[in-house]
mmCIF file of all heavy atoms, coordinates in Angstrom:
data_MODEL
# 
_entry.id   MODEL 
# 
loop_
_atom_site.group_PDB 
_atom_site.id 
_atom_site.type_symbol 
_atom_site.label_atom_id 
_atom_site.label_alt_id 
_atom_site.label_comp_id 
_atom_site.label_asym_id 
_atom_site.label_entity_id 
_atom_site.label_seq_id 
_atom_site.pdbx_PDB_ins_code 
_atom_site.Cartn_x 
_atom_site.Cartn_y 
_atom_site.Cartn_z 
_atom_site.occupancy 
_atom_site.B_iso_or_equiv 
_atom_site.pdbx_formal_charge 
_atom_site.auth_seq_id 
_atom_site.auth_comp_id 
_atom_site.auth_asym_id 
_atom_site.auth_atom_id 
_atom_site.pdbx_PDB_model_num 
ATOM 1   N N   . GLU A 1 1  ? -51.336 -31.181 -16.631 1.00 0.00 ? 1  GLU A N   1 
ATOM 2   C CA  . GLU A 1 1  ? -50.566 -31.548 -15.430 1.00 0.00 ? 1  GLU A CA  1 
ATOM 3   C C   . GLU A 1 1  ? -50.394 -30.344 -14.504 1.00 0.00 ? 1  GLU A C   1 
ATOM 4   O O   . GLU A 1 1  ? -50.521 -30.470 -13.281 1.00 0.00 ? 1  GLU A O   1 
ATOM 5   C CB  . GLU A 1 1  ? -49.203 -32.110 -15.829 1.00 0.00 ? 1  GLU A CB  1 
ATOM 6   C CG  . GLU A 1 1  ? -49.291 -33.482 -16.480 1.00 0.00 ? 1  GLU A CG  1 
ATOM 7   C CD  . GLU A 1 1  ? -48.020 -33.895 -17.202 1.00 0.00 ? 1  GLU A CD  1 
ATOM 8   O OE1 . GLU A 1 1  ? -46.940 -33.285 -16.968 1.00 0.00 ? 1  GLU A OE1 1 
ATOM 9   O OE2 . GLU A 1 1  ? -48.099 -34.836 -18.022 1.00 0.00 ? 1  GLU A OE2 1 
ATOM 10  N N   . LEU A 1 2  ? -50.123 -29.181 -15.088 1.00 0.00 ? 2  LEU A N   1 
ATOM 11  C CA  . LEU A 1 2  ? -49.967 -27.962 -14.295 1.00 0.00 ? 2  LEU A CA  1 
ATOM 12  C C   . LEU A 1 2  ? -51.249 -27.672 -13.515 1.00 0.00 ? 2  LEU A C   1 
ATOM 13  O O   . LEU A 1 2  ? -51.216 -27.416 -12.315 1.00 0.00 ? 2  LEU A O   1 
ATOM 14  C CB  . LEU A 1 2  ? -49.605 -26.764 -15.195 1.00 0.00 ? 2  LEU A CB  1 
ATOM 15  C CG  . LEU A 1 2  ? -49.673 -25.378 -14.541 1.00 0.00 ? 2  LEU A CG  1 
ATOM 16  C CD1 . LEU A 1 2  ? -48.617 -25.236 -13.454 1.00 0.00 ? 2  LEU A CD1 1 
ATOM 17  C CD2 . LEU A 1 2  ? -49.496 -24.281 -15.585 1.00 0.00 ? 2  LEU A CD2 1 
ATOM 18  N N   . MET A 1 3  ? -52.387 -27.728 -14.212 1.00 0.00 ? 3  MET A N   1 
ATOM 19  C CA  . MET A 1 3  ? -53.654 -27.418 -13.549 1.00 0.00 ? 3  MET A CA  1 
ATOM 20  C C   . MET A 1 3  ? -54.011 -28.482 -12.507 1.00 0.00 ? 3  MET A C   1 
ATOM 21  O O   . MET A 1 3  ? -54.534 -28.161 -11.451 1.00 0.00 ? 3  MET A O   1 
ATOM 22  C CB  . MET A 1 3  ? -54.778 -27.248 -14.577 1.00 0.00 ? 3  MET A CB  1 
ATOM 23  C CG  . MET A 1 3  ? -54.574 -26.063 -15.528 1.00 0.00 ? 3  MET A CG  1 
ATOM 24  S SD  . MET A 1 3  ? -54.008 -24.529 -14.744 1.00 0.00 ? 3  MET A SD  1 
ATOM 25  C CE  . MET A 1 3  ? -55.420 -24.103 -13.739 1.00 0.00 ? 3  MET A CE  1 
ATOM 26  N N   . GLU A 1 4  ? -53.692 -29.750 -12.798 1.00 0.00 ? 4  GLU A N   1 
ATOM 27  C CA  . GLU A 1 4  ? -53.949 -30.815 -11.814 1.00 0.00 ? 4  GLU A CA  1 
ATOM 28  C C   . GLU A 1 4  ? -53.118 -30.590 -10.552 1.00 0.00 ? 4  GLU A C   1 
ATOM 29  O O   . GLU A 1 4  ? -53.586 -30.838 -9.451  1.00 0.00 ? 4  GLU A O   1 
ATOM 30  C CB  . GLU A 1 4  ? -53.643 -32.187 -12.426 1.00 0.00 ? 4  GLU A CB  1 
ATOM 31  C CG  . GLU A 1 4  ? -54.726 -32.651 -13.379 1.00 0.00 ? 4  GLU A CG  1 
ATOM 32  C CD  . GLU A 1 4  ? -54.315 -33.838 -14.243 1.00 0.00 ? 4  GLU A CD  1 
ATOM 33  O OE1 . GLU A 1 4  ? -53.294 -34.491 -13.946 1.00 0.00 ? 4  GLU A OE1 1 
ATOM 34  O OE2 . GLU A 1 4  ? -55.028 -34.091 -15.233 1.00 0.00 ? 4  GLU A OE2 1 
ATOM 35  N N   . SER A 1 5  ? -51.894 -30.061 -10.729 1.00 0.00 ? 5  SER A N   1 
ATOM 36  C CA  . SER A 1 5  ? -51.037 -29.797 -9.566  1.00 0.00 ? 5  SER A CA  1 
ATOM 37  C C   . SER A 1 5  ? -51.616 -28.672 -8.703  1.00 0.00 ? 5  SER A C   1 
ATOM 38  O O   . SER A 1 5  ? -51.227 -28.503 -7.555  1.00 0.00 ? 5  SER A O   1 
ATOM 39  C CB  . SER A 1 5  ? -49.608 -29.446 -10.011 1.00 0.00 ? 5  SER A CB  1 
ATOM 40  O OG  . SER A 1 5  ? -49.533 -28.119 -10.503 1.00 0.00 ? 5  SER A OG  1 
ATOM 41  N N   . LYS A 1 6  ? -52.560 -27.908 -9.243  1.00 0.00 ? 6  LYS A N   1 
ATOM 42  C CA  . LYS A 1 6  ? -53.249 -26.838 -8.506  1.00 0.00 ? 6  LYS A CA  1 
ATOM 43  C C   . LYS A 1 6  ? -54.653 -27.296 -8.101  1.00 0.00 ? 6  LYS A C   1 
ATOM 44  O O   . LYS A 1 6  ? -55.513 -26.471 -7.802  1.00 0.00 ? 6  LYS A O   1 
ATOM 45  C CB  . LYS A 1 6  ? -53.373 -25.568 -9.362  1.00 0.00 ? 6  LYS A CB  1 
ATOM 46  C CG  . LYS A 1 6  ? -52.108 -25.108 -10.044 1.00 0.00 ? 6  LYS A CG  1 
ATOM 47  C CD  . LYS A 1 6  ? -51.058 -24.659 -9.073  1.00 0.00 ? 6  LYS A CD  1 
ATOM 48  C CE  . LYS A 1 6  ? -49.823 -24.188 -9.814  1.00 0.00 ? 6  LYS A CE  1 
ATOM 49  N NZ  . LYS A 1 6  ? -48.586 -24.516 -9.140  1.00 0.00 ? 6  LYS A NZ  1 
ATOM 50  N N   . ASP A 1 7  ? -54.880 -28.602 -8.156  1.00 0.00 ? 7  ASP A N   1 
ATOM 51  C CA  . ASP A 1 7  ? -56.200 -29.176 -7.865  1.00 0.00 ? 7  ASP A CA  1 
ATOM 52  C C   . ASP A 1 7  ? -57.289 -28.569 -8.739  1.00 0.00 ? 7  ASP A C   1 
ATOM 53  O O   . ASP A 1 7  ? -58.385 -28.237 -8.279  1.00 0.00 ? 7  ASP A O   1 
ATOM 54  C CB  . ASP A 1 7  ? -56.573 -29.018 -6.383  1.00 0.00 ? 7  ASP A CB  1 
ATOM 55  C CG  . ASP A 1 7  ? -55.659 -29.830 -5.485  1.00 0.00 ? 7  ASP A CG  1 
ATOM 56  O OD1 . ASP A 1 7  ? -55.268 -30.933 -5.898  1.00 0.00 ? 7  ASP A OD1 1 
ATOM 57  O OD2 . ASP A 1 7  ? -55.323 -29.343 -4.392  1.00 0.00 ? 7  ASP A OD2 1 
ATOM 58  N N   . SER A 1 8  ? -56.952 -28.396 -10.007 1.00 0.00 ? 8  SER A N   1 
ATOM 59  C CA  . SER A 1 8  ? -57.901 -27.818 -10.946 1.00 0.00 ? 8  SER A CA  1 
ATOM 60  C C   . SER A 1 8  ? -57.769 -28.559 -12.277 1.00 0.00 ? 8  SER A C   1 
ATOM 61  O O   . SER A 1 8  ? -57.119 -29.595 -12.351 1.00 0.00 ? 8  SER A O   1 
ATOM 62  C CB  . SER A 1 8  ? -57.619 -26.316 -11.105 1.00 0.00 ? 8  SER A CB  1 
ATOM 63  O OG  . SER A 1 8  ? -58.704 -25.691 -11.749 1.00 0.00 ? 8  SER A OG  1 
ATOM 64  N N   . GLN A 1 9  ? -58.397 -28.003 -13.320 1.00 0.00 ? 9  GLN A N   1 
ATOM 65  C CA  . GLN A 1 9  ? -58.330 -28.615 -14.646 1.00 0.00 ? 9  GLN A CA  1 
ATOM 66  C C   . GLN A 1 9  ? -58.681 -27.591 -15.711 1.00 0.00 ? 9  GLN A C   1 
ATOM 67  O O   . GLN A 1 9  ? -59.209 -26.522 -15.392 1.00 0.00 ? 9  GLN A O   1 
ATOM 68  C CB  . GLN A 1 9  ? -59.302 -29.788 -14.731 1.00 0.00 ? 9  GLN A CB  1 
ATOM 69  C CG  . GLN A 1 9  ? -60.762 -29.341 -14.624 1.00 0.00 ? 9  GLN A CG  1 
ATOM 70  C CD  . GLN A 1 9  ? -61.757 -30.443 -14.877 1.00 0.00 ? 9  GLN A CD  1 
ATOM 71  O OE1 . GLN A 1 9  ? -61.448 -31.411 -15.548 1.00 0.00 ? 9  GLN A OE1 1 
ATOM 72  N NE2 . GLN A 1 9  ? -62.975 -30.294 -14.353 1.00 0.00 ? 9  GLN A NE2 1 
ATOM 73  N N   . ILE A 1 10 ? -58.417 -27.949 -16.958 1.00 0.00 ? 10 ILE A N   1 
ATOM 74  C CA  . ILE A 1 10 ? -58.905 -27.148 -18.078 1.00 0.00 ? 10 ILE A CA  1 
ATOM 75  C C   . ILE A 1 10 ? -60.340 -27.599 -18.303 1.00 0.00 ? 10 ILE A C   1 
ATOM 76  O O   . ILE A 1 10 ? -60.601 -28.792 -18.469 1.00 0.00 ? 10 ILE A O   1 
ATOM 77  C CB  . ILE A 1 10 ? -58.049 -27.382 -19.357 1.00 0.00 ? 10 ILE A CB  1 
ATOM 78  C CG1 . ILE A 1 10 ? -56.613 -26.894 -19.143 1.00 0.00 ? 10 ILE A CG1 1 
ATOM 79  C CG2 . ILE A 1 10 ? -58.692 -26.699 -20.558 1.00 0.00 ? 10 ILE A CG2 1 
ATOM 80  C CD1 . ILE A 1 10 ? -56.469 -25.410 -18.835 1.00 0.00 ? 10 ILE A CD1 1 
ATOM 81  N N   . ASN A 1 11 ? -61.280 -26.660 -18.269 1.00 0.00 ? 11 ASN A N   1 
ATOM 82  C CA  . ASN A 1 11 ? -62.686 -27.005 -18.429 1.00 0.00 ? 11 ASN A CA  1 
ATOM 83  C C   . ASN A 1 11 ? -63.132 -27.030 -19.884 1.00 0.00 ? 11 ASN A C   1 
ATOM 84  O O   . ASN A 1 11 ? -64.029 -27.782 -20.243 1.00 0.00 ? 11 ASN A O   1 
ATOM 85  C CB  . ASN A 1 11 ? -63.579 -26.016 -17.674 1.00 0.00 ? 11 ASN A CB  1 
ATOM 86  C CG  . ASN A 1 11 ? -63.243 -25.980 -16.206 1.00 0.00 ? 11 ASN A CG  1 
ATOM 87  O OD1 . ASN A 1 11 ? -62.416 -25.182 -15.782 1.00 0.00 ? 11 ASN A OD1 1 
ATOM 88  N ND2 . ASN A 1 11 ? -63.844 -26.860 -15.422 1.00 0.00 ? 11 ASN A ND2 1 
ATOM 89  N N   . ALA A 1 12 ? -62.510 -26.156 -20.707 1.00 0.00 ? 12 ALA A N   1 
ATOM 90  C CA  . ALA A 1 12 ? -62.952 -26.065 -22.101 1.00 0.00 ? 12 ALA A CA  1 
ATOM 91  C C   . ALA A 1 12 ? -61.896 -25.439 -22.982 1.00 0.00 ? 12 ALA A C   1 
ATOM 92  O O   . ALA A 1 12 ? -61.122 -24.592 -22.537 1.00 0.00 ? 12 ALA A O   1 
ATOM 93  C CB  . ALA A 1 12 ? -64.229 -25.227 -22.185 1.00 0.00 ? 12 ALA A CB  1 
ATOM 94  N N   . MET A 1 13 ? -61.887 -25.886 -24.231 1.00 0.00 ? 13 MET A N   1 
ATOM 95  C CA  . MET A 1 13 ? -61.160 -25.182 -25.278 1.00 0.00 ? 13 MET A CA  1 
ATOM 96  C C   . MET A 1 13 ? -62.238 -24.526 -26.119 1.00 0.00 ? 13 MET A C   1 
ATOM 97  O O   . MET A 1 13 ? -63.082 -25.191 -26.709 1.00 0.00 ? 13 MET A O   1 
ATOM 98  C CB  . MET A 1 13 ? -60.352 -26.134 -26.155 1.00 0.00 ? 13 MET A CB  1 
ATOM 99  C CG  . MET A 1 13 ? -59.678 -25.386 -27.310 1.00 0.00 ? 13 MET A CG  1 
ATOM 100 S SD  . MET A 1 13 ? -59.535 -26.419 -28.763 1.00 0.00 ? 13 MET A SD  1 
ATOM 101 C CE  . MET A 1 13 ? -58.032 -25.813 -29.462 1.00 0.00 ? 13 MET A CE  1 
ATOM 102 N N   . VAL A 1 14 ? -62.257 -23.196 -26.109 1.00 0.00 ? 14 VAL A N   1 
ATOM 103 C CA  . VAL A 1 14 ? -63.223 -22.438 -26.903 1.00 0.00 ? 14 VAL A CA  1 
ATOM 104 C C   . VAL A 1 14 ? -62.483 -21.919 -28.127 1.00 0.00 ? 14 VAL A C   1 
ATOM 105 O O   . VAL A 1 14 ? -61.515 -21.170 -28.002 1.00 0.00 ? 14 VAL A O   1 
ATOM 106 C CB  . VAL A 1 14 ? -63.821 -21.264 -26.095 1.00 0.00 ? 14 VAL A CB  1 
ATOM 107 C CG1 . VAL A 1 14 ? -64.726 -20.424 -26.970 1.00 0.00 ? 14 VAL A CG1 1 
ATOM 108 C CG2 . VAL A 1 14 ? -64.574 -21.789 -24.877 1.00 0.00 ? 14 VAL A CG2 1 
ATOM 109 N N   . ALA A 1 15 ? -62.914 -22.385 -29.297 1.00 0.00 ? 15 ALA A N   1 
ATOM 110 C CA  . ALA A 1 15 ? -62.260 -21.992 -30.545 1.00 0.00 ? 15 ALA A CA  1 
ATOM 111 C C   . ALA A 1 15 ? -63.174 -21.062 -31.338 1.00 0.00 ? 15 ALA A C   1 
ATOM 112 O O   . ALA A 1 15 ? -64.299 -21.439 -31.677 1.00 0.00 ? 15 ALA A O   1 
ATOM 113 C CB  . ALA A 1 15 ? -61.919 -23.229 -31.368 1.00 0.00 ? 15 ALA A CB  1 
ATOM 114 N N   . LEU A 1 16 ? -62.679 -19.856 -31.593 1.00 0.00 ? 16 LEU A N   1 
ATOM 115 C CA  . LEU A 1 16 ? -63.435 -18.915 -32.419 1.00 0.00 ? 16 LEU A CA  1 
ATOM 116 C C   . LEU A 1 16 ? -63.259 -19.325 -33.876 1.00 0.00 ? 16 LEU A C   1 
ATOM 117 O O   . LEU A 1 16 ? -62.133 -19.414 -34.368 1.00 0.00 ? 16 LEU A O   1 
ATOM 118 C CB  . LEU A 1 16 ? -62.921 -17.494 -32.202 1.00 0.00 ? 16 LEU A CB  1 
ATOM 119 C CG  . LEU A 1 16 ? -63.189 -16.911 -30.825 1.00 0.00 ? 16 LEU A CG  1 
ATOM 120 C CD1 . LEU A 1 16 ? -62.451 -15.590 -30.644 1.00 0.00 ? 16 LEU A CD1 1 
ATOM 121 C CD2 . LEU A 1 16 ? -64.676 -16.703 -30.621 1.00 0.00 ? 16 LEU A CD2 1 
ATOM 122 N N   . GLU A 1 17 ? -64.367 -19.602 -34.532 1.00 0.00 ? 17 GLU A N   1 
ATOM 123 C CA  . GLU A 1 17 ? -64.326 -20.055 -35.919 1.00 0.00 ? 17 GLU A CA  1 
ATOM 124 C C   . GLU A 1 17 ? -64.763 -18.923 -36.835 1.00 0.00 ? 17 GLU A C   1 
ATOM 125 O O   . GLU A 1 17 ? -65.883 -18.408 -36.710 1.00 0.00 ? 17 GLU A O   1 
ATOM 126 C CB  . GLU A 1 17 ? -65.215 -21.292 -36.079 1.00 0.00 ? 17 GLU A CB  1 
ATOM 127 C CG  . GLU A 1 17 ? -64.709 -22.449 -35.215 1.00 0.00 ? 17 GLU A CG  1 
ATOM 128 C CD  . GLU A 1 17 ? -65.654 -23.632 -35.146 1.00 0.00 ? 17 GLU A CD  1 
ATOM 129 O OE1 . GLU A 1 17 ? -66.849 -23.480 -35.501 1.00 0.00 ? 17 GLU A OE1 1 
ATOM 130 O OE2 . GLU A 1 17 ? -65.193 -24.710 -34.727 1.00 0.00 ? 17 GLU A OE2 1 
ATOM 131 N N   . VAL A 1 18 ? -63.836 -18.535 -37.719 1.00 0.00 ? 18 VAL A N   1 
ATOM 132 C CA  . VAL A 1 18 ? -64.064 -17.407 -38.619 1.00 0.00 ? 18 VAL A CA  1 
ATOM 133 C C   . VAL A 1 18 ? -63.561 -17.796 -40.008 1.00 0.00 ? 18 VAL A C   1 
ATOM 134 O O   . VAL A 1 18 ? -62.438 -18.298 -40.131 1.00 0.00 ? 18 VAL A O   1 
ATOM 135 C CB  . VAL A 1 18 ? -63.299 -16.146 -38.127 1.00 0.00 ? 18 VAL A CB  1 
ATOM 136 C CG1 . VAL A 1 18 ? -63.557 -14.957 -39.029 1.00 0.00 ? 18 VAL A CG1 1 
ATOM 137 C CG2 . VAL A 1 18 ? -63.679 -15.817 -36.684 1.00 0.00 ? 18 VAL A CG2 1 
ATOM 138 N N   . PRO A 1 19 ? -64.364 -17.566 -41.063 1.00 0.00 ? 19 PRO A N   1 
ATOM 139 C CA  . PRO A 1 19 ? -63.902 -17.890 -42.415 1.00 0.00 ? 19 PRO A CA  1 
ATOM 140 C C   . PRO A 1 19 ? -62.617 -17.125 -42.768 1.00 0.00 ? 19 PRO A C   1 
ATOM 141 O O   . PRO A 1 19 ? -62.437 -15.969 -42.363 1.00 0.00 ? 19 PRO A O   1 
ATOM 142 C CB  . PRO A 1 19 ? -65.063 -17.451 -43.312 1.00 0.00 ? 19 PRO A CB  1 
ATOM 143 C CG  . PRO A 1 19 ? -66.252 -17.376 -42.414 1.00 0.00 ? 19 PRO A CG  1 
ATOM 144 C CD  . PRO A 1 19 ? -65.719 -17.024 -41.050 1.00 0.00 ? 19 PRO A CD  1 
ATOM 145 N N   . ASP A 1 20 ? -61.755 -17.779 -43.537 1.00 0.00 ? 20 ASP A N   1 
ATOM 146 C CA  . ASP A 1 20 ? -60.464 -17.185 -43.907 1.00 0.00 ? 20 ASP A CA  1 
ATOM 147 C C   . ASP A 1 20 ? -60.593 -15.794 -44.523 1.00 0.00 ? 20 ASP A C   1 
ATOM 148 O O   . ASP A 1 20 ? -59.813 -14.901 -44.209 1.00 0.00 ? 20 ASP A O   1 
ATOM 149 C CB  . ASP A 1 20 ? -59.706 -18.097 -44.879 1.00 0.00 ? 20 ASP A CB  1 
ATOM 150 C CG  . ASP A 1 20 ? -59.239 -19.383 -44.215 1.00 0.00 ? 20 ASP A CG  1 
ATOM 151 O OD1 . ASP A 1 20 ? -59.469 -19.548 -42.997 1.00 0.00 ? 20 ASP A OD1 1 
ATOM 152 O OD2 . ASP A 1 20 ? -58.638 -20.224 -44.919 1.00 0.00 ? 20 ASP A OD2 1 
ATOM 153 N N   . GLU A 1 21 ? -61.569 -15.615 -45.409 1.00 0.00 ? 21 GLU A N   1 
ATOM 154 C CA  . GLU A 1 21 ? -61.700 -14.315 -46.093 1.00 0.00 ? 21 GLU A CA  1 
ATOM 155 C C   . GLU A 1 21 ? -62.019 -13.196 -45.099 1.00 0.00 ? 21 GLU A C   1 
ATOM 156 O O   . GLU A 1 21 ? -61.554 -12.073 -45.242 1.00 0.00 ? 21 GLU A O   1 
ATOM 157 C CB  . GLU A 1 21 ? -62.757 -14.373 -47.203 1.00 0.00 ? 21 GLU A CB  1 
ATOM 158 C CG  . GLU A 1 21 ? -62.359 -15.280 -48.364 1.00 0.00 ? 21 GLU A CG  1 
ATOM 159 C CD  . GLU A 1 21 ? -60.943 -15.036 -48.888 1.00 0.00 ? 21 GLU A CD  1 
ATOM 160 O OE1 . GLU A 1 21 ? -60.589 -13.879 -49.176 1.00 0.00 ? 21 GLU A OE1 1 
ATOM 161 O OE2 . GLU A 1 21 ? -60.172 -16.020 -48.986 1.00 0.00 ? 21 GLU A OE2 1 
ATOM 162 N N   . VAL A 1 22 ? -62.803 -13.513 -44.082 1.00 0.00 ? 22 VAL A N   1 
ATOM 163 C CA  . VAL A 1 22 ? -63.136 -12.525 -43.050 1.00 0.00 ? 22 VAL A CA  1 
ATOM 164 C C   . VAL A 1 22 ? -61.881 -12.204 -42.237 1.00 0.00 ? 22 VAL A C   1 
ATOM 165 O O   . VAL A 1 22 ? -61.612 -11.048 -41.914 1.00 0.00 ? 22 VAL A O   1 
ATOM 166 C CB  . VAL A 1 22 ? -64.283 -13.026 -42.137 1.00 0.00 ? 22 VAL A CB  1 
ATOM 167 C CG1 . VAL A 1 22 ? -64.544 -12.061 -40.990 1.00 0.00 ? 22 VAL A CG1 1 
ATOM 168 C CG2 . VAL A 1 22 ? -65.560 -13.241 -42.953 1.00 0.00 ? 22 VAL A CG2 1 
ATOM 169 N N   . LEU A 1 23 ? -61.089 -13.240 -41.929 1.00 0.00 ? 23 LEU A N   1 
ATOM 170 C CA  . LEU A 1 23 ? -59.846 -13.034 -41.180 1.00 0.00 ? 23 LEU A CA  1 
ATOM 171 C C   . LEU A 1 23 ? -58.899 -12.117 -41.951 1.00 0.00 ? 23 LEU A C   1 
ATOM 172 O O   . LEU A 1 23 ? -58.338 -11.176 -41.377 1.00 0.00 ? 23 LEU A O   1 
ATOM 173 C CB  . LEU A 1 23 ? -59.143 -14.369 -40.914 1.00 0.00 ? 23 LEU A CB  1 
ATOM 174 C CG  . LEU A 1 23 ? -59.854 -15.355 -40.012 1.00 0.00 ? 23 LEU A CG  1 
ATOM 175 C CD1 . LEU A 1 23 ? -59.146 -16.706 -40.051 1.00 0.00 ? 23 LEU A CD1 1 
ATOM 176 C CD2 . LEU A 1 23 ? -59.917 -14.827 -38.587 1.00 0.00 ? 23 LEU A CD2 1 
ATOM 177 N N   . VAL A 1 24 ? -58.737 -12.391 -43.243 1.00 0.00 ? 24 VAL A N   1 
ATOM 178 C CA  . VAL A 1 24 ? -57.828 -11.585 -44.077 1.00 0.00 ? 24 VAL A CA  1 
ATOM 179 C C   . VAL A 1 24 ? -58.296 -10.132 -44.082 1.00 0.00 ? 24 VAL A C   1 
ATOM 180 O O   . VAL A 1 24 ? -57.499 -9.212  -43.878 1.00 0.00 ? 24 VAL A O   1 
ATOM 181 C CB  . VAL A 1 24 ? -57.746 -12.154 -45.522 1.00 0.00 ? 24 VAL A CB  1 
ATOM 182 C CG1 . VAL A 1 24 ? -57.006 -11.198 -46.448 1.00 0.00 ? 24 VAL A CG1 1 
ATOM 183 C CG2 . VAL A 1 24 ? -57.073 -13.531 -45.512 1.00 0.00 ? 24 VAL A CG2 1 
# 
């Protein structure tokens, strides 16, 4: 709604996928 009020939008959700052991 916020972005629409600025005549824009969310184009993408980019999720970084990393195995738990690497994160730890």
